[in-house]
Amino acid sequence: MTDARLTGWLLDSDPALAWQVERDLVGAPEETWQATRARVATEGFGAELLAHQATAWPDESGSTPTSPPVNPPNGSPSRRSGY
């Protein structure tokens, strides 16, 4: 049995954790924990992670926002050709 205060504290946390508490500890209906789980991409740690991930992935040219172009569009040699 889980202490009600602990369960309440966990449920009041980040959606990335709260949905699992609803599903695994509280036994909430699937509609409830699915709704909380859907918030992971737009709230809290999940949203923060996705925001960082979006700026870290290479674009079509193979570059990230902080790296020089891997395949420059003008056909000139890349500054990263030593890799």
N, C-alpha and C. Protein backbone atom coordinates (compact mmCIF):
# COMPACT_ATOMS: atom_id res chain seq x y z
N MET A 1 0.86 -1.18 0.00
CA MET A 1 0.00 0.00 0.00
C MET A 1 0.89 1.24 0.00
N THR A 2 0.56 2.18 -0.83
CA THR A 2 1.32 3.41 -0.94
C THR A 2 0.69 4.49 -0.07
N ASP A 3 1.52 5.22 0.65
CA ASP A 3 1.07 6.33 1.48
C ASP A 3 0.35 7.36 0.61
N ALA A 4 -0.81 7.81 1.03
CA ALA A 4 -1.61 8.76 0.26
C ALA A 4 -0.88 10.08 0.03
N ARG A 5 -0.07 10.50 1.03
CA ARG A 5 0.68 11.76 0.85
C ARG A 5 1.73 11.61 -0.25
N LEU A 6 2.39 10.47 -0.27
CA LEU A 6 3.40 10.21 -1.29
C LEU A 6 2.75 10.12 -2.66
N THR A 7 1.65 9.42 -2.75
CA THR A 7 0.93 9.30 -4.03
C THR A 7 0.49 10.68 -4.51
N GLY A 8 -0.06 11.49 -3.63
CA GLY A 8 -0.48 12.84 -4.00
C GLY A 8 0.68 13.68 -4.50
N TRP A 9 1.80 13.57 -3.83
CA TRP A 9 3.00 14.31 -4.23
C TRP A 9 3.47 13.87 -5.61
N LEU A 10 3.49 12.56 -5.85
CA LEU A 10 3.91 12.04 -7.15
C LEU A 10 2.94 12.45 -8.26
N LEU A 11 1.65 12.43 -7.95
CA LEU A 11 0.66 12.83 -8.95
C LEU A 11 0.74 14.31 -9.28
N ASP A 12 1.23 15.10 -8.35
CA ASP A 12 1.34 16.54 -8.55
C ASP A 12 2.67 16.92 -9.21
N SER A 13 3.38 15.93 -9.74
CA SER A 13 4.69 16.18 -10.33
C SER A 13 4.59 16.29 -11.85
N ASP A 14 5.70 16.16 -12.48
CA ASP A 14 5.80 16.23 -13.93
C ASP A 14 4.92 15.16 -14.59
N PRO A 15 4.27 15.49 -15.70
CA PRO A 15 3.43 14.49 -16.38
C PRO A 15 4.18 13.22 -16.79
N ALA A 16 5.50 13.34 -17.04
CA ALA A 16 6.29 12.17 -17.42
C ALA A 16 6.31 11.12 -16.31
N LEU A 17 6.16 11.56 -15.09
CA LEU A 17 6.10 10.64 -13.94
C LEU A 17 4.64 10.38 -13.54
N ALA A 18 3.83 11.40 -13.56
CA ALA A 18 2.46 11.30 -13.04
C ALA A 18 1.64 10.24 -13.77
N TRP A 19 1.77 10.12 -15.07
CA TRP A 19 0.95 9.13 -15.79
C TRP A 19 1.30 7.71 -15.35
N GLN A 20 2.56 7.48 -15.05
CA GLN A 20 2.97 6.14 -14.61
C GLN A 20 2.45 5.84 -13.20
N VAL A 21 2.40 6.87 -12.37
CA VAL A 21 1.84 6.72 -11.03
C VAL A 21 0.35 6.40 -11.15
N GLU A 22 -0.34 7.12 -12.02
CA GLU A 22 -1.77 6.86 -12.23
C GLU A 22 -2.00 5.42 -12.69
N ARG A 23 -1.18 4.97 -13.63
CA ARG A 23 -1.37 3.63 -14.18
C ARG A 23 -0.93 2.54 -13.20
N ASP A 24 0.29 2.68 -12.66
CA ASP A 24 0.89 1.57 -11.91
C ASP A 24 0.60 1.56 -10.42
N LEU A 25 0.46 2.72 -9.81
CA LEU A 25 0.25 2.76 -8.36
C LEU A 25 -1.20 2.99 -7.97
N VAL A 26 -1.87 3.87 -8.70
CA VAL A 26 -3.23 4.24 -8.32
C VAL A 26 -4.26 3.33 -8.99
N GLY A 27 -3.90 2.77 -10.15
CA GLY A 27 -4.86 1.95 -10.87
C GLY A 27 -5.95 2.76 -11.52
N ALA A 28 -5.61 3.97 -11.96
CA ALA A 28 -6.59 4.86 -12.59
C ALA A 28 -7.05 4.26 -13.92
N PRO A 29 -8.25 4.63 -14.36
CA PRO A 29 -8.73 4.15 -15.66
C PRO A 29 -7.77 4.57 -16.79
N GLU A 30 -7.72 3.77 -17.83
CA GLU A 30 -6.81 4.04 -18.94
C GLU A 30 -7.00 5.44 -19.53
N GLU A 31 -8.24 5.89 -19.63
CA GLU A 31 -8.49 7.23 -20.18
C GLU A 31 -7.77 8.31 -19.36
N THR A 32 -7.70 8.11 -18.06
CA THR A 32 -7.07 9.08 -17.18
C THR A 32 -5.58 9.15 -17.41
N TRP A 33 -4.90 8.00 -17.33
CA TRP A 33 -3.45 8.04 -17.48
C TRP A 33 -3.03 8.31 -18.92
N GLN A 34 -3.85 7.94 -19.89
CA GLN A 34 -3.53 8.28 -21.28
C GLN A 34 -3.60 9.79 -21.49
N ALA A 35 -4.55 10.45 -20.87
CA ALA A 35 -4.67 11.91 -20.99
C ALA A 35 -3.45 12.59 -20.37
N THR A 36 -3.01 12.10 -19.21
CA THR A 36 -1.83 12.66 -18.57
C THR A 36 -0.59 12.38 -19.41
N ARG A 37 -0.49 11.18 -19.93
CA ARG A 37 0.65 10.81 -20.78
C ARG A 37 0.72 11.67 -22.03
N ALA A 38 -0.41 12.05 -22.58
CA ALA A 38 -0.44 12.90 -23.77
C ALA A 38 0.15 14.27 -23.50
N ARG A 39 0.17 14.70 -22.23
CA ARG A 39 0.73 16.01 -21.87
C ARG A 39 2.26 16.01 -21.83
N VAL A 40 2.89 14.84 -21.83
CA VAL A 40 4.34 14.74 -21.69
C VAL A 40 5.06 15.53 -22.78
N ALA A 41 4.58 15.52 -24.00
CA ALA A 41 5.25 16.21 -25.10
C ALA A 41 5.11 17.72 -25.04
N THR A 42 4.16 18.21 -24.26
CA THR A 42 3.91 19.65 -24.26
C THR A 42 4.14 20.33 -22.91
N GLU A 43 4.41 19.54 -21.88
CA GLU A 43 4.61 20.11 -20.54
C GLU A 43 5.81 19.46 -19.85
N GLY A 44 6.46 20.20 -19.00
CA GLY A 44 7.48 19.65 -18.13
C GLY A 44 8.74 19.16 -18.82
N PHE A 45 9.34 18.11 -18.22
CA PHE A 45 10.61 17.59 -18.70
C PHE A 45 10.52 17.09 -20.13
N GLY A 46 9.45 16.41 -20.48
CA GLY A 46 9.30 15.88 -21.84
C GLY A 46 9.33 16.98 -22.87
N ALA A 47 8.62 18.07 -22.62
CA ALA A 47 8.61 19.20 -23.55
C ALA A 47 9.99 19.84 -23.64
N GLU A 48 10.67 19.94 -22.50
CA GLU A 48 12.01 20.52 -22.49
C GLU A 48 12.98 19.65 -23.30
N LEU A 49 12.90 18.36 -23.11
CA LEU A 49 13.76 17.44 -23.85
C LEU A 49 13.51 17.53 -25.34
N LEU A 50 12.25 17.53 -25.74
CA LEU A 50 11.92 17.63 -27.15
C LEU A 50 12.37 18.95 -27.75
N ALA A 51 12.30 20.03 -26.99
CA ALA A 51 12.75 21.33 -27.49
C ALA A 51 14.25 21.32 -27.75
N HIS A 52 15.01 20.71 -26.86
CA HIS A 52 16.46 20.62 -27.05
C HIS A 52 16.79 19.68 -28.20
N GLN A 53 16.05 18.61 -28.31
CA GLN A 53 16.28 17.63 -29.34
C GLN A 53 16.04 18.25 -30.72
N ALA A 54 15.03 19.08 -30.82
CA ALA A 54 14.71 19.72 -32.10
C ALA A 54 15.84 20.62 -32.58
N THR A 55 16.59 21.21 -31.67
CA THR A 55 17.69 22.10 -32.06
C THR A 55 19.00 21.35 -32.21
N ALA A 56 19.05 20.08 -31.81
CA ALA A 56 20.29 19.34 -31.87
C ALA A 56 20.40 18.42 -33.08
N TRP A 57 19.29 18.07 -33.67
CA TRP A 57 19.34 17.14 -34.80
C TRP A 57 19.81 17.85 -36.05
N PRO A 58 20.59 17.17 -36.86
CA PRO A 58 21.04 17.78 -38.13
C PRO A 58 19.87 18.04 -39.06
N ASP A 59 20.01 19.08 -39.86
CA ASP A 59 19.00 19.34 -40.89
C ASP A 59 19.34 18.51 -42.13
N GLU A 60 18.67 18.79 -43.24
CA GLU A 60 18.85 18.01 -44.46
C GLU A 60 20.29 18.05 -44.98
N SER A 61 21.02 19.12 -44.70
CA SER A 61 22.40 19.23 -45.19
C SER A 61 23.38 18.52 -44.26
N GLY A 62 22.90 18.02 -43.13
CA GLY A 62 23.78 17.35 -42.19
C GLY A 62 24.31 18.26 -41.11
N SER A 63 23.88 19.51 -41.09
CA SER A 63 24.38 20.48 -40.12
C SER A 63 23.42 20.63 -38.95
N THR A 64 23.98 20.94 -37.81
CA THR A 64 23.18 21.35 -36.67
C THR A 64 23.34 22.86 -36.56
N PRO A 65 22.52 23.52 -35.77
CA PRO A 65 22.61 24.98 -35.67
C PRO A 65 23.98 25.48 -35.22
N THR A 66 24.77 24.65 -34.56
CA THR A 66 26.06 25.11 -34.06
C THR A 66 27.25 24.53 -34.83
N SER A 67 26.99 23.77 -35.88
CA SER A 67 28.09 23.19 -36.64
C SER A 67 28.17 23.80 -38.03
N PRO A 68 29.35 23.77 -38.63
CA PRO A 68 29.46 24.24 -40.01
C PRO A 68 28.77 23.24 -40.93
N PRO A 69 28.41 23.64 -42.13
CA PRO A 69 27.73 22.72 -43.05
C PRO A 69 28.60 21.50 -43.37
N VAL A 70 27.98 20.34 -43.39
CA VAL A 70 28.68 19.13 -43.77
C VAL A 70 28.70 19.03 -45.29
N ASN A 71 27.59 19.35 -45.91
CA ASN A 71 27.47 19.34 -47.38
C ASN A 71 27.00 20.72 -47.82
N PRO A 72 27.93 21.65 -47.96
CA PRO A 72 27.51 23.00 -48.32
C PRO A 72 26.74 23.01 -49.63
N PRO A 73 25.70 23.83 -49.72
CA PRO A 73 24.86 23.85 -50.92
C PRO A 73 25.60 24.31 -52.17
N ASN A 74 26.66 25.09 -52.04
CA ASN A 74 27.34 25.60 -53.23
C ASN A 74 28.39 24.64 -53.78
N GLY A 75 28.54 23.48 -53.18
CA GLY A 75 29.47 22.49 -53.68
C GLY A 75 30.90 22.68 -53.23
N SER A 76 31.18 23.71 -52.44
CA SER A 76 32.54 23.93 -51.98
C SER A 76 32.90 22.89 -50.92
N PRO A 77 34.18 22.61 -50.72
CA PRO A 77 34.56 21.62 -49.71
C PRO A 77 34.11 22.05 -48.32
N SER A 78 33.75 21.09 -47.55
CA SER A 78 33.31 21.35 -46.19
C SER A 78 34.49 21.69 -45.30
N ARG A 79 34.26 22.56 -44.34
CA ARG A 79 35.30 22.86 -43.35
C ARG A 79 35.51 21.67 -42.43
N ARG A 80 34.61 20.70 -42.47
CA ARG A 80 34.74 19.53 -41.62
C ARG A 80 35.28 18.33 -42.39
N SER A 81 35.94 18.57 -43.51
CA SER A 81 36.39 17.48 -44.37
C SER A 81 37.42 16.59 -43.72
N GLY A 82 38.04 17.03 -42.65
CA GLY A 82 39.03 16.22 -41.95
C GLY A 82 38.44 15.10 -41.12
N TYR A 83 37.11 15.03 -41.05
CA TYR A 83 36.47 13.99 -40.24
C TYR A 83 36.19 12.77 -41.06
